[in-house]
Amino acid sequence: MSIESLMNEYELLQTQTKTGEQLDDLYADLMIRMEKAFEIPGIITGEWEQDNKPVSTLYRLIASSRLMKT
């Protein structure tokens, strides 16, 4: 699983017509897969973010999309 493939999946989800709840569930699933694949800690520190910038950026983008869509 690469950042590029996850970004493509995220962008594809945005273009599909889904209810807010369905989209939220799909975003949640994507975030869970990212957490496992990239070992994202339960508490994200500034140091972790700096060391994992691409992962952190996409993870936060998905999280903020969940908040906006629900």
N, C-alpha and C. Protein backbone atom coordinates (compact mmCIF):
# COMPACT_ATOMS: atom_id res chain seq x y z
N MET A 1 0.86 -1.17 0.00
CA MET A 1 0.00 0.00 0.00
C MET A 1 0.90 1.23 0.00
N SER A 2 0.69 2.07 -0.97
CA SER A 2 1.51 3.27 -1.08
C SER A 2 0.65 4.51 -0.82
N ILE A 3 1.32 5.61 -0.51
CA ILE A 3 0.62 6.88 -0.31
C ILE A 3 -0.12 7.26 -1.59
N GLU A 4 0.51 7.02 -2.72
CA GLU A 4 -0.11 7.37 -4.00
C GLU A 4 -1.41 6.61 -4.21
N SER A 5 -1.41 5.30 -3.92
CA SER A 5 -2.63 4.51 -4.11
C SER A 5 -3.72 4.94 -3.14
N LEU A 6 -3.33 5.29 -1.93
CA LEU A 6 -4.31 5.77 -0.94
C LEU A 6 -4.88 7.12 -1.34
N MET A 7 -4.04 7.98 -1.88
CA MET A 7 -4.51 9.28 -2.33
C MET A 7 -5.49 9.12 -3.50
N ASN A 8 -5.18 8.21 -4.41
CA ASN A 8 -6.08 7.93 -5.52
C ASN A 8 -7.42 7.39 -5.02
N GLU A 9 -7.37 6.52 -4.05
CA GLU A 9 -8.60 5.98 -3.48
C GLU A 9 -9.42 7.08 -2.80
N TYR A 10 -8.75 7.95 -2.07
CA TYR A 10 -9.42 9.07 -1.42
C TYR A 10 -10.10 9.97 -2.46
N GLU A 11 -9.38 10.29 -3.52
CA GLU A 11 -9.94 11.13 -4.57
C GLU A 11 -11.11 10.47 -5.27
N LEU A 12 -11.03 9.16 -5.46
CA LEU A 12 -12.13 8.43 -6.07
C LEU A 12 -13.37 8.46 -5.18
N LEU A 13 -13.18 8.31 -3.90
CA LEU A 13 -14.31 8.36 -2.96
C LEU A 13 -15.00 9.71 -3.03
N GLN A 14 -14.25 10.77 -3.20
CA GLN A 14 -14.83 12.10 -3.25
C GLN A 14 -15.71 12.30 -4.48
N THR A 15 -15.41 11.60 -5.55
CA THR A 15 -16.18 11.79 -6.78
C THR A 15 -17.43 10.92 -6.84
N GLN A 16 -17.49 9.92 -5.99
CA GLN A 16 -18.64 9.02 -6.00
C GLN A 16 -19.77 9.62 -5.18
N THR A 17 -20.99 9.42 -5.65
CA THR A 17 -22.15 9.93 -4.92
C THR A 17 -22.49 8.93 -3.82
N LYS A 18 -22.35 9.34 -2.62
CA LYS A 18 -22.65 8.53 -1.44
C LYS A 18 -23.36 9.40 -0.43
N THR A 19 -24.10 8.76 0.46
CA THR A 19 -24.67 9.52 1.56
C THR A 19 -23.54 9.91 2.50
N GLY A 20 -23.78 10.88 3.35
CA GLY A 20 -22.76 11.31 4.30
C GLY A 20 -22.31 10.17 5.18
N GLU A 21 -23.23 9.34 5.60
CA GLU A 21 -22.89 8.22 6.49
C GLU A 21 -22.06 7.17 5.75
N GLN A 22 -22.41 6.87 4.51
CA GLN A 22 -21.63 5.90 3.73
C GLN A 22 -20.21 6.42 3.49
N LEU A 23 -20.13 7.67 3.12
CA LEU A 23 -18.83 8.27 2.86
C LEU A 23 -17.98 8.29 4.12
N ASP A 24 -18.59 8.60 5.25
CA ASP A 24 -17.87 8.60 6.52
C ASP A 24 -17.33 7.21 6.82
N ASP A 25 -18.14 6.19 6.60
CA ASP A 25 -17.69 4.81 6.83
C ASP A 25 -16.52 4.44 5.93
N LEU A 26 -16.57 4.87 4.68
CA LEU A 26 -15.48 4.58 3.74
C LEU A 26 -14.20 5.32 4.13
N TYR A 27 -14.36 6.56 4.55
CA TYR A 27 -13.20 7.32 5.03
C TYR A 27 -12.61 6.66 6.28
N ALA A 28 -13.47 6.22 7.19
CA ALA A 28 -13.01 5.57 8.41
C ALA A 28 -12.23 4.30 8.07
N ASP A 29 -12.73 3.53 7.12
CA ASP A 29 -12.04 2.32 6.70
C ASP A 29 -10.67 2.65 6.11
N LEU A 30 -10.61 3.68 5.31
CA LEU A 30 -9.35 4.11 4.73
C LEU A 30 -8.36 4.52 5.82
N MET A 31 -8.83 5.24 6.82
CA MET A 31 -7.97 5.66 7.92
C MET A 31 -7.46 4.47 8.72
N ILE A 32 -8.32 3.50 8.96
CA ILE A 32 -7.92 2.30 9.71
C ILE A 32 -6.85 1.53 8.95
N ARG A 33 -7.02 1.41 7.64
CA ARG A 33 -6.01 0.73 6.84
C ARG A 33 -4.69 1.48 6.87
N MET A 34 -4.76 2.81 6.86
CA MET A 34 -3.54 3.61 6.95
C MET A 34 -2.86 3.40 8.30
N GLU A 35 -3.66 3.38 9.37
CA GLU A 35 -3.10 3.20 10.71
C GLU A 35 -2.32 1.90 10.81
N LYS A 36 -2.86 0.85 10.22
CA LYS A 36 -2.19 -0.45 10.26
C LYS A 36 -0.97 -0.48 9.35
N ALA A 37 -1.12 0.00 8.13
CA ALA A 37 -0.03 -0.07 7.16
C ALA A 37 1.17 0.79 7.54
N PHE A 38 0.90 1.97 8.12
CA PHE A 38 1.98 2.91 8.42
C PHE A 38 2.25 3.04 9.91
N GLU A 39 1.62 2.17 10.70
CA GLU A 39 1.82 2.17 12.15
C GLU A 39 1.63 3.56 12.75
N ILE A 40 0.50 4.17 12.42
CA ILE A 40 0.19 5.50 12.93
C ILE A 40 -0.14 5.36 14.42
N PRO A 41 0.54 6.12 15.27
CA PRO A 41 0.32 5.98 16.72
C PRO A 41 -1.04 6.56 17.14
N GLY A 42 -1.53 6.08 18.27
CA GLY A 42 -2.79 6.59 18.82
C GLY A 42 -2.72 8.07 19.14
N ILE A 43 -1.57 8.51 19.60
CA ILE A 43 -1.34 9.93 19.87
C ILE A 43 -0.23 10.39 18.92
N ILE A 44 -0.61 11.24 18.00
CA ILE A 44 0.33 11.71 16.99
C ILE A 44 1.09 12.92 17.54
N THR A 45 2.39 12.79 17.57
CA THR A 45 3.24 13.88 18.07
C THR A 45 3.79 14.68 16.90
N GLY A 46 4.27 15.85 17.21
CA GLY A 46 4.90 16.70 16.21
C GLY A 46 6.09 16.01 15.58
N GLU A 47 6.83 15.28 16.38
CA GLU A 47 8.01 14.57 15.87
C GLU A 47 7.59 13.49 14.87
N TRP A 48 6.53 12.73 15.21
CA TRP A 48 6.05 11.70 14.30
C TRP A 48 5.58 12.34 12.99
N GLU A 49 4.83 13.44 13.11
CA GLU A 49 4.35 14.12 11.91
C GLU A 49 5.50 14.57 11.02
N GLN A 50 6.53 15.11 11.62
CA GLN A 50 7.69 15.59 10.86
C GLN A 50 8.39 14.44 10.15
N ASP A 51 8.50 13.31 10.84
CA ASP A 51 9.18 12.14 10.27
C ASP A 51 8.34 11.42 9.23
N ASN A 52 7.03 11.65 9.23
CA ASN A 52 6.10 10.93 8.34
C ASN A 52 5.17 11.91 7.63
N LYS A 53 5.74 12.96 7.10
CA LYS A 53 4.95 14.07 6.54
C LYS A 53 3.91 13.64 5.50
N PRO A 54 4.24 12.86 4.49
CA PRO A 54 3.22 12.49 3.49
C PRO A 54 2.06 11.70 4.11
N VAL A 55 2.38 10.77 4.98
CA VAL A 55 1.34 9.96 5.63
C VAL A 55 0.49 10.85 6.52
N SER A 56 1.13 11.67 7.31
CA SER A 56 0.42 12.56 8.22
C SER A 56 -0.51 13.51 7.47
N THR A 57 -0.03 14.07 6.37
CA THR A 57 -0.82 15.02 5.59
C THR A 57 -2.07 14.35 5.04
N LEU A 58 -1.93 13.18 4.45
CA LEU A 58 -3.09 12.49 3.89
C LEU A 58 -4.05 12.06 5.00
N TYR A 59 -3.51 11.57 6.10
CA TYR A 59 -4.34 11.12 7.22
C TYR A 59 -5.19 12.28 7.76
N ARG A 60 -4.57 13.43 7.92
CA ARG A 60 -5.30 14.61 8.40
C ARG A 60 -6.32 15.11 7.37
N LEU A 61 -5.99 15.01 6.11
CA LEU A 61 -6.91 15.40 5.05
C LEU A 61 -8.18 14.53 5.09
N ILE A 62 -7.99 13.25 5.23
CA ILE A 62 -9.14 12.34 5.30
C ILE A 62 -9.95 12.62 6.56
N ALA A 63 -9.26 12.81 7.68
CA ALA A 63 -9.96 13.10 8.94
C ALA A 63 -10.79 14.38 8.83
N SER A 64 -10.22 15.40 8.23
CA SER A 64 -10.98 16.66 8.10
C SER A 64 -12.13 16.50 7.12
N SER A 65 -11.99 15.67 6.11
CA SER A 65 -13.08 15.41 5.18
C SER A 65 -14.23 14.71 5.88
N ARG A 66 -13.90 13.82 6.79
CA ARG A 66 -14.94 13.14 7.57
C ARG A 66 -15.73 14.16 8.36
N LEU A 67 -15.06 15.09 8.96
CA LEU A 67 -15.73 16.09 9.78
C LEU A 67 -16.62 17.00 8.94
N MET A 68 -16.17 17.33 7.75
CA MET A 68 -16.94 18.22 6.89
C MET A 68 -18.17 17.55 6.29
N LYS A 69 -18.11 16.25 6.06
CA LYS A 69 -19.18 15.53 5.39
C LYS A 69 -20.25 15.02 6.33
N THR A 70 -19.98 15.04 7.64
CA THR A 70 -20.96 14.48 8.58
C THR A 70 -21.72 15.58 9.27
